[in-house]
């Protein structure tokens, strides 16, 4: 069972600061277009990369699917190239496929572009995936 304290620490705890993209938004978009041609992107701010605590069996299953035991939560969407999200909304991704250059987090359908510094934390899958829009 997920506790309120666990969710609060995940959302608002201050440990685990990590750098993101420090250049211009345009340069980040350009880098993403070169690294992931044609893939939708979502620029986010106030983000947290979540390393999921999983069992060895769960990790093996994810690896076989080409996934990382990792997800992303962002308090603020800046721009979504696919028009799925409006600026100012929050988002929680699915499992990641790759984490590149310290500023791009790839999932199956989207590359999340990480503006400015964010957080990197560890949490249970239950805590991370308890955050949903519905």
N, C-alpha and C. Protein backbone atom coordinates (compact mmCIF):
# COMPACT_ATOMS: atom_id res chain seq x y z
N UNK A 1 0.84 -1.18 0.00
CA UNK A 1 0.00 0.00 0.00
C UNK A 1 0.89 1.25 0.00
N UNK A 2 0.52 2.19 -0.81
CA UNK A 2 1.26 3.44 -0.93
C UNK A 2 0.79 4.41 0.16
N UNK A 3 1.74 5.04 0.83
CA UNK A 3 1.38 5.98 1.89
C UNK A 3 1.40 7.42 1.35
N UNK A 4 0.68 8.28 2.01
CA UNK A 4 0.66 9.70 1.66
C UNK A 4 2.06 10.29 1.79
N UNK A 5 2.81 9.87 2.80
CA UNK A 5 4.17 10.36 3.00
C UNK A 5 5.07 9.99 1.81
N UNK A 6 4.91 8.77 1.30
CA UNK A 6 5.71 8.33 0.15
C UNK A 6 5.41 9.18 -1.08
N UNK A 7 4.15 9.47 -1.33
CA UNK A 7 3.76 10.31 -2.46
C UNK A 7 4.27 11.74 -2.27
N UNK A 8 4.11 12.29 -1.06
CA UNK A 8 4.57 13.65 -0.78
C UNK A 8 6.07 13.77 -0.99
N UNK A 9 6.84 12.79 -0.54
CA UNK A 9 8.29 12.81 -0.71
C UNK A 9 8.66 12.75 -2.20
N UNK A 10 7.94 11.93 -2.93
CA UNK A 10 8.19 11.80 -4.36
C UNK A 10 7.90 13.10 -5.09
N UNK A 11 6.80 13.74 -4.75
CA UNK A 11 6.41 14.97 -5.44
C UNK A 11 7.16 16.21 -4.97
N UNK A 12 7.43 16.30 -3.67
CA UNK A 12 7.92 17.56 -3.12
C UNK A 12 9.24 17.47 -2.37
N UNK A 13 9.79 16.28 -2.18
CA UNK A 13 11.08 16.15 -1.51
C UNK A 13 12.17 16.85 -2.31
N UNK A 14 13.18 17.34 -1.62
CA UNK A 14 14.21 18.15 -2.29
C UNK A 14 15.52 17.42 -2.51
N UNK A 15 15.62 16.18 -2.08
CA UNK A 15 16.85 15.43 -2.31
C UNK A 15 16.89 14.91 -3.74
N UNK A 16 18.09 14.86 -4.32
CA UNK A 16 18.25 14.24 -5.63
C UNK A 16 18.28 15.19 -6.80
N UNK A 17 18.66 16.46 -6.58
CA UNK A 17 18.70 17.39 -7.70
C UNK A 17 19.69 16.91 -8.75
N UNK A 18 19.28 17.03 -10.01
CA UNK A 18 20.10 16.61 -11.13
C UNK A 18 19.95 17.61 -12.27
N UNK A 19 21.03 17.85 -13.02
CA UNK A 19 20.93 18.85 -14.09
C UNK A 19 20.09 18.34 -15.26
N UNK A 20 19.50 19.24 -15.97
CA UNK A 20 18.81 18.96 -17.23
C UNK A 20 19.44 19.84 -18.29
N UNK A 21 18.69 20.19 -19.30
CA UNK A 21 19.20 21.03 -20.38
C UNK A 21 19.36 22.46 -19.90
N UNK A 22 20.55 23.04 -20.14
CA UNK A 22 20.81 24.40 -19.69
C UNK A 22 20.84 25.40 -20.85
N UNK A 23 20.75 24.91 -22.08
CA UNK A 23 20.77 25.80 -23.25
C UNK A 23 19.38 26.29 -23.61
N UNK A 24 19.26 26.75 -24.87
CA UNK A 24 17.97 27.28 -25.32
C UNK A 24 17.00 26.15 -25.66
N UNK A 25 15.74 26.47 -25.60
CA UNK A 25 14.69 25.52 -25.93
C UNK A 25 14.83 25.09 -27.40
N UNK A 26 15.16 26.02 -28.28
CA UNK A 26 15.31 25.72 -29.70
C UNK A 26 16.45 24.74 -29.94
N UNK A 27 17.57 24.90 -29.23
CA UNK A 27 18.69 23.98 -29.38
C UNK A 27 18.33 22.57 -28.88
N UNK A 28 17.54 22.50 -27.83
CA UNK A 28 17.10 21.20 -27.30
C UNK A 28 16.18 20.50 -28.30
N UNK A 29 15.27 21.24 -28.91
CA UNK A 29 14.38 20.67 -29.92
C UNK A 29 15.20 20.16 -31.11
N UNK A 30 16.19 20.94 -31.51
CA UNK A 30 17.06 20.54 -32.62
C UNK A 30 17.81 19.25 -32.30
N UNK A 31 18.36 19.15 -31.09
CA UNK A 31 19.07 17.95 -30.66
C UNK A 31 18.14 16.74 -30.66
N UNK A 32 16.92 16.92 -30.18
CA UNK A 32 15.95 15.83 -30.15
C UNK A 32 15.57 15.39 -31.57
N UNK A 33 15.41 16.35 -32.47
CA UNK A 33 15.06 16.02 -33.86
C UNK A 33 16.16 15.21 -34.53
N UNK A 34 17.43 15.51 -34.21
CA UNK A 34 18.55 14.75 -34.76
C UNK A 34 18.65 13.37 -34.12
N UNK A 35 18.39 13.28 -32.83
CA UNK A 35 18.50 12.01 -32.11
C UNK A 35 17.31 11.09 -32.33
N UNK A 36 16.12 11.66 -32.52
CA UNK A 36 14.88 10.89 -32.65
C UNK A 36 14.04 11.46 -33.80
N UNK A 37 14.51 11.33 -35.04
CA UNK A 37 13.78 11.93 -36.17
C UNK A 37 12.33 11.44 -36.25
N UNK A 38 11.42 12.39 -36.36
CA UNK A 38 10.01 12.07 -36.54
C UNK A 38 9.25 11.68 -35.28
N UNK A 39 9.94 11.55 -34.16
CA UNK A 39 9.27 11.13 -32.92
C UNK A 39 8.70 12.35 -32.20
N UNK A 40 7.48 12.19 -31.66
CA UNK A 40 6.85 13.27 -30.90
C UNK A 40 7.70 13.63 -29.69
N UNK A 41 7.70 14.92 -29.34
CA UNK A 41 8.43 15.36 -28.16
C UNK A 41 7.53 16.19 -27.27
N UNK A 42 7.91 16.22 -26.00
CA UNK A 42 7.19 17.00 -25.00
C UNK A 42 8.23 17.68 -24.11
N UNK A 43 8.27 19.00 -24.14
CA UNK A 43 9.21 19.75 -23.31
C UNK A 43 8.57 19.95 -21.94
N UNK A 44 9.35 19.60 -20.90
CA UNK A 44 8.83 19.70 -19.53
C UNK A 44 9.80 20.44 -18.62
N UNK A 45 9.24 20.98 -17.56
CA UNK A 45 9.99 21.68 -16.52
C UNK A 45 9.53 21.15 -15.17
N UNK A 46 10.31 21.38 -14.14
CA UNK A 46 9.98 20.90 -12.79
C UNK A 46 9.70 19.40 -12.84
N UNK A 47 10.69 18.66 -13.30
CA UNK A 47 10.54 17.23 -13.57
C UNK A 47 11.26 16.38 -12.54
N UNK A 48 10.81 15.14 -12.45
CA UNK A 48 11.44 14.15 -11.59
C UNK A 48 11.56 12.84 -12.36
N UNK A 49 12.78 12.37 -12.53
CA UNK A 49 13.01 11.03 -13.06
C UNK A 49 12.87 10.08 -11.88
N UNK A 50 12.10 9.03 -12.07
CA UNK A 50 11.84 8.09 -10.97
C UNK A 50 12.43 6.73 -11.33
N UNK A 51 13.47 6.35 -10.58
CA UNK A 51 14.03 5.01 -10.70
C UNK A 51 13.13 4.10 -9.87
N UNK A 52 12.52 3.13 -10.54
CA UNK A 52 11.56 2.27 -9.87
C UNK A 52 12.25 1.11 -9.15
N UNK A 53 11.84 0.88 -7.93
CA UNK A 53 12.34 -0.27 -7.20
C UNK A 53 11.53 -1.47 -7.67
N UNK A 54 12.22 -2.39 -8.32
CA UNK A 54 11.56 -3.58 -8.86
C UNK A 54 12.31 -4.83 -8.42
N UNK A 55 11.64 -5.94 -8.47
CA UNK A 55 12.28 -7.22 -8.15
C UNK A 55 13.15 -7.64 -9.34
N UNK A 56 14.08 -8.55 -9.13
CA UNK A 56 14.88 -9.05 -10.25
C UNK A 56 14.01 -9.62 -11.38
N UNK A 57 12.93 -10.30 -11.05
CA UNK A 57 12.04 -10.85 -12.07
C UNK A 57 11.36 -9.73 -12.87
N UNK A 58 10.91 -8.69 -12.17
CA UNK A 58 10.28 -7.56 -12.85
C UNK A 58 11.28 -6.85 -13.76
N UNK A 59 12.51 -6.70 -13.27
CA UNK A 59 13.54 -6.05 -14.09
C UNK A 59 13.83 -6.87 -15.34
N UNK A 60 13.89 -8.18 -15.20
CA UNK A 60 14.13 -9.05 -16.35
C UNK A 60 13.00 -8.93 -17.38
N UNK A 61 11.76 -8.88 -16.92
CA UNK A 61 10.62 -8.74 -17.82
C UNK A 61 10.68 -7.41 -18.58
N UNK A 62 11.01 -6.35 -17.86
CA UNK A 62 11.12 -5.04 -18.52
C UNK A 62 12.25 -5.04 -19.54
N UNK A 63 13.39 -5.61 -19.17
CA UNK A 63 14.53 -5.66 -20.08
C UNK A 63 14.18 -6.42 -21.35
N UNK A 64 13.47 -7.52 -21.22
CA UNK A 64 13.05 -8.30 -22.40
C UNK A 64 12.14 -7.49 -23.32
N UNK A 65 11.41 -6.56 -22.74
CA UNK A 65 10.52 -5.69 -23.53
C UNK A 65 11.23 -4.44 -24.04
N UNK A 66 12.53 -4.31 -23.71
CA UNK A 66 13.29 -3.13 -24.13
C UNK A 66 12.98 -1.89 -23.31
N UNK A 67 12.55 -2.09 -22.07
CA UNK A 67 12.15 -0.99 -21.21
C UNK A 67 13.07 -0.87 -20.00
N UNK A 68 13.12 0.32 -19.45
CA UNK A 68 13.88 0.60 -18.23
C UNK A 68 12.93 0.64 -17.04
N UNK A 69 13.41 0.28 -15.85
CA UNK A 69 12.59 0.44 -14.66
C UNK A 69 12.64 1.91 -14.21
N UNK A 70 12.06 2.76 -15.04
CA UNK A 70 12.16 4.21 -14.84
C UNK A 70 10.94 4.87 -15.48
N UNK A 71 10.47 5.94 -14.86
CA UNK A 71 9.39 6.75 -15.41
C UNK A 71 9.70 8.21 -15.12
N UNK A 72 8.89 9.09 -15.66
CA UNK A 72 9.10 10.53 -15.50
C UNK A 72 7.80 11.17 -15.03
N UNK A 73 7.92 12.06 -14.07
CA UNK A 73 6.81 12.91 -13.65
C UNK A 73 7.25 14.35 -13.85
N UNK A 74 6.41 15.15 -14.48
CA UNK A 74 6.73 16.57 -14.66
C UNK A 74 5.55 17.42 -14.19
N UNK A 75 5.86 18.42 -13.39
CA UNK A 75 4.83 19.33 -12.89
C UNK A 75 4.32 20.29 -13.96
N UNK A 76 5.16 20.54 -14.99
CA UNK A 76 4.78 21.54 -15.98
C UNK A 76 5.18 21.15 -17.39
N UNK A 77 4.19 21.05 -18.26
CA UNK A 77 4.44 20.87 -19.68
C UNK A 77 4.63 22.26 -20.28
N UNK A 78 5.71 22.41 -21.05
CA UNK A 78 5.99 23.67 -21.73
C UNK A 78 5.42 23.63 -23.14
N UNK A 79 5.68 22.52 -23.85
CA UNK A 79 5.24 22.38 -25.24
C UNK A 79 5.15 20.90 -25.57
N UNK A 80 4.05 20.52 -26.22
CA UNK A 80 3.89 19.14 -26.69
C UNK A 80 3.74 19.20 -28.20
N UNK A 81 4.67 18.59 -28.92
CA UNK A 81 4.66 18.66 -30.38
C UNK A 81 3.44 17.99 -31.00
N UNK A 82 2.86 17.04 -30.30
CA UNK A 82 1.69 16.34 -30.82
C UNK A 82 0.36 16.98 -30.44
N UNK A 83 0.40 18.04 -29.63
CA UNK A 83 -0.82 18.70 -29.21
C UNK A 83 -1.68 17.88 -28.26
N UNK A 84 -1.09 16.86 -27.63
CA UNK A 84 -1.85 16.02 -26.70
C UNK A 84 -2.08 16.71 -25.37
N UNK A 85 -1.11 17.54 -24.95
CA UNK A 85 -1.16 18.20 -23.65
C UNK A 85 -1.06 19.70 -23.84
N UNK A 86 -1.74 20.42 -22.99
CA UNK A 86 -1.69 21.88 -23.01
C UNK A 86 -0.56 22.37 -22.09
N UNK A 87 0.07 23.50 -22.44
CA UNK A 87 1.09 24.07 -21.55
C UNK A 87 0.52 24.30 -20.15
N UNK A 88 1.36 24.00 -19.15
CA UNK A 88 0.96 24.17 -17.76
C UNK A 88 0.40 22.90 -17.13
N UNK A 89 0.00 21.92 -17.94
CA UNK A 89 -0.50 20.65 -17.40
C UNK A 89 0.66 19.86 -16.83
N UNK A 90 0.36 18.80 -16.08
CA UNK A 90 1.39 17.89 -15.58
C UNK A 90 1.29 16.60 -16.38
N UNK A 91 2.36 15.79 -16.30
CA UNK A 91 2.36 14.51 -17.01
C UNK A 91 3.18 13.49 -16.24
N UNK A 92 2.75 12.23 -16.33
CA UNK A 92 3.54 11.11 -15.85
C UNK A 92 3.65 10.14 -17.01
N UNK A 93 4.88 9.78 -17.36
CA UNK A 93 5.10 8.93 -18.53
C UNK A 93 4.89 7.46 -18.21
N UNK A 94 4.96 6.66 -19.26
CA UNK A 94 5.04 5.21 -19.11
C UNK A 94 6.50 4.86 -18.82
N UNK A 95 6.82 3.57 -18.84
CA UNK A 95 8.20 3.13 -18.66
C UNK A 95 9.09 3.75 -19.74
N UNK A 96 10.33 4.05 -19.37
CA UNK A 96 11.27 4.60 -20.33
C UNK A 96 11.92 3.55 -21.19
N UNK A 97 12.43 4.01 -22.34
CA UNK A 97 13.24 3.16 -23.22
C UNK A 97 14.71 3.57 -23.15
N UNK A 98 14.94 4.89 -23.00
CA UNK A 98 16.31 5.38 -22.91
C UNK A 98 16.34 6.72 -22.19
N UNK A 99 17.51 7.03 -21.66
CA UNK A 99 17.76 8.33 -21.01
C UNK A 99 19.07 8.81 -21.61
N UNK A 100 18.99 9.86 -22.40
CA UNK A 100 20.11 10.27 -23.23
C UNK A 100 20.55 11.69 -22.91
N UNK A 101 21.87 11.89 -22.88
CA UNK A 101 22.46 13.22 -22.76
C UNK A 101 22.05 13.94 -21.48
N UNK A 102 21.42 13.25 -20.54
CA UNK A 102 20.99 13.89 -19.31
C UNK A 102 19.83 14.85 -19.49
N UNK A 103 19.27 14.90 -20.71
CA UNK A 103 18.19 15.86 -20.95
C UNK A 103 17.07 15.32 -21.82
N UNK A 104 17.14 14.04 -22.21
CA UNK A 104 16.09 13.45 -23.03
C UNK A 104 15.71 12.08 -22.46
N UNK A 105 14.44 11.93 -22.15
CA UNK A 105 13.91 10.68 -21.62
C UNK A 105 12.93 10.14 -22.65
N UNK A 106 13.26 8.99 -23.23
CA UNK A 106 12.46 8.41 -24.30
C UNK A 106 11.53 7.33 -23.76
N UNK A 107 10.27 7.38 -24.20
CA UNK A 107 9.32 6.30 -23.99
C UNK A 107 8.96 5.74 -25.36
N UNK A 108 8.05 4.81 -25.41
CA UNK A 108 7.68 4.19 -26.68
C UNK A 108 7.22 5.23 -27.70
N UNK A 109 6.42 6.20 -27.29
CA UNK A 109 5.82 7.14 -28.23
C UNK A 109 6.36 8.56 -28.17
N UNK A 110 7.10 8.90 -27.13
CA UNK A 110 7.45 10.30 -26.90
C UNK A 110 8.88 10.43 -26.37
N UNK A 111 9.51 11.55 -26.73
CA UNK A 111 10.78 11.93 -26.11
C UNK A 111 10.47 13.14 -25.24
N UNK A 112 10.71 13.01 -23.94
CA UNK A 112 10.51 14.11 -23.01
C UNK A 112 11.81 14.88 -22.92
N UNK A 113 11.74 16.18 -23.18
CA UNK A 113 12.90 17.05 -23.17
C UNK A 113 12.91 17.79 -21.84
N UNK A 114 13.99 17.59 -21.08
CA UNK A 114 14.06 18.03 -19.69
C UNK A 114 14.75 19.37 -19.57
N UNK A 115 13.96 20.43 -19.43
CA UNK A 115 14.50 21.78 -19.29
C UNK A 115 14.97 22.04 -17.87
N UNK A 116 16.11 22.66 -17.75
CA UNK A 116 16.67 23.09 -16.46
C UNK A 116 16.86 21.91 -15.51
N UNK A 117 17.25 22.21 -14.30
CA UNK A 117 17.49 21.16 -13.31
C UNK A 117 16.18 20.52 -12.88
N UNK A 118 16.28 19.26 -12.48
CA UNK A 118 15.12 18.54 -11.98
C UNK A 118 15.55 17.65 -10.82
N UNK A 119 14.81 16.62 -10.59
CA UNK A 119 15.09 15.69 -9.50
C UNK A 119 15.24 14.28 -10.07
N UNK A 120 16.00 13.47 -9.38
CA UNK A 120 16.05 12.04 -9.68
C UNK A 120 15.89 11.32 -8.36
N UNK A 121 14.84 10.49 -8.29
CA UNK A 121 14.49 9.83 -7.04
C UNK A 121 14.18 8.37 -7.28
N UNK A 122 14.13 7.63 -6.20
CA UNK A 122 13.76 6.23 -6.25
C UNK A 122 12.40 6.09 -5.57
N UNK A 123 11.55 5.25 -6.16
CA UNK A 123 10.23 5.02 -5.57
C UNK A 123 9.70 3.68 -6.04
N UNK A 124 8.72 3.18 -5.33
CA UNK A 124 8.07 1.94 -5.74
C UNK A 124 7.23 2.20 -7.00
N UNK A 125 7.00 1.15 -7.74
CA UNK A 125 6.12 1.27 -8.92
C UNK A 125 4.74 1.72 -8.49
N UNK A 126 4.27 1.20 -7.36
CA UNK A 126 2.94 1.57 -6.88
C UNK A 126 2.84 3.07 -6.62
N UNK A 127 3.87 3.65 -6.02
CA UNK A 127 3.85 5.09 -5.75
C UNK A 127 3.92 5.88 -7.05
N UNK A 128 4.85 5.51 -7.92
CA UNK A 128 5.03 6.26 -9.17
C UNK A 128 3.80 6.22 -10.06
N UNK A 129 3.20 5.05 -10.18
CA UNK A 129 2.06 4.91 -11.08
C UNK A 129 0.72 5.19 -10.41
N UNK A 130 0.75 5.61 -9.15
CA UNK A 130 -0.51 6.01 -8.49
C UNK A 130 -0.94 7.38 -8.96
N UNK A 131 -0.03 8.12 -9.57
CA UNK A 131 -0.35 9.44 -10.08
C UNK A 131 -0.95 9.28 -11.46
N UNK A 132 -2.24 9.61 -11.60
CA UNK A 132 -2.88 9.52 -12.90
C UNK A 132 -3.89 10.65 -13.02
N UNK A 133 -4.23 10.97 -14.23
CA UNK A 133 -5.14 12.08 -14.49
C UNK A 133 -6.60 11.71 -14.26
N UNK A 134 -6.92 10.45 -14.18
CA UNK A 134 -8.32 10.06 -14.06
C UNK A 134 -8.56 9.40 -12.78
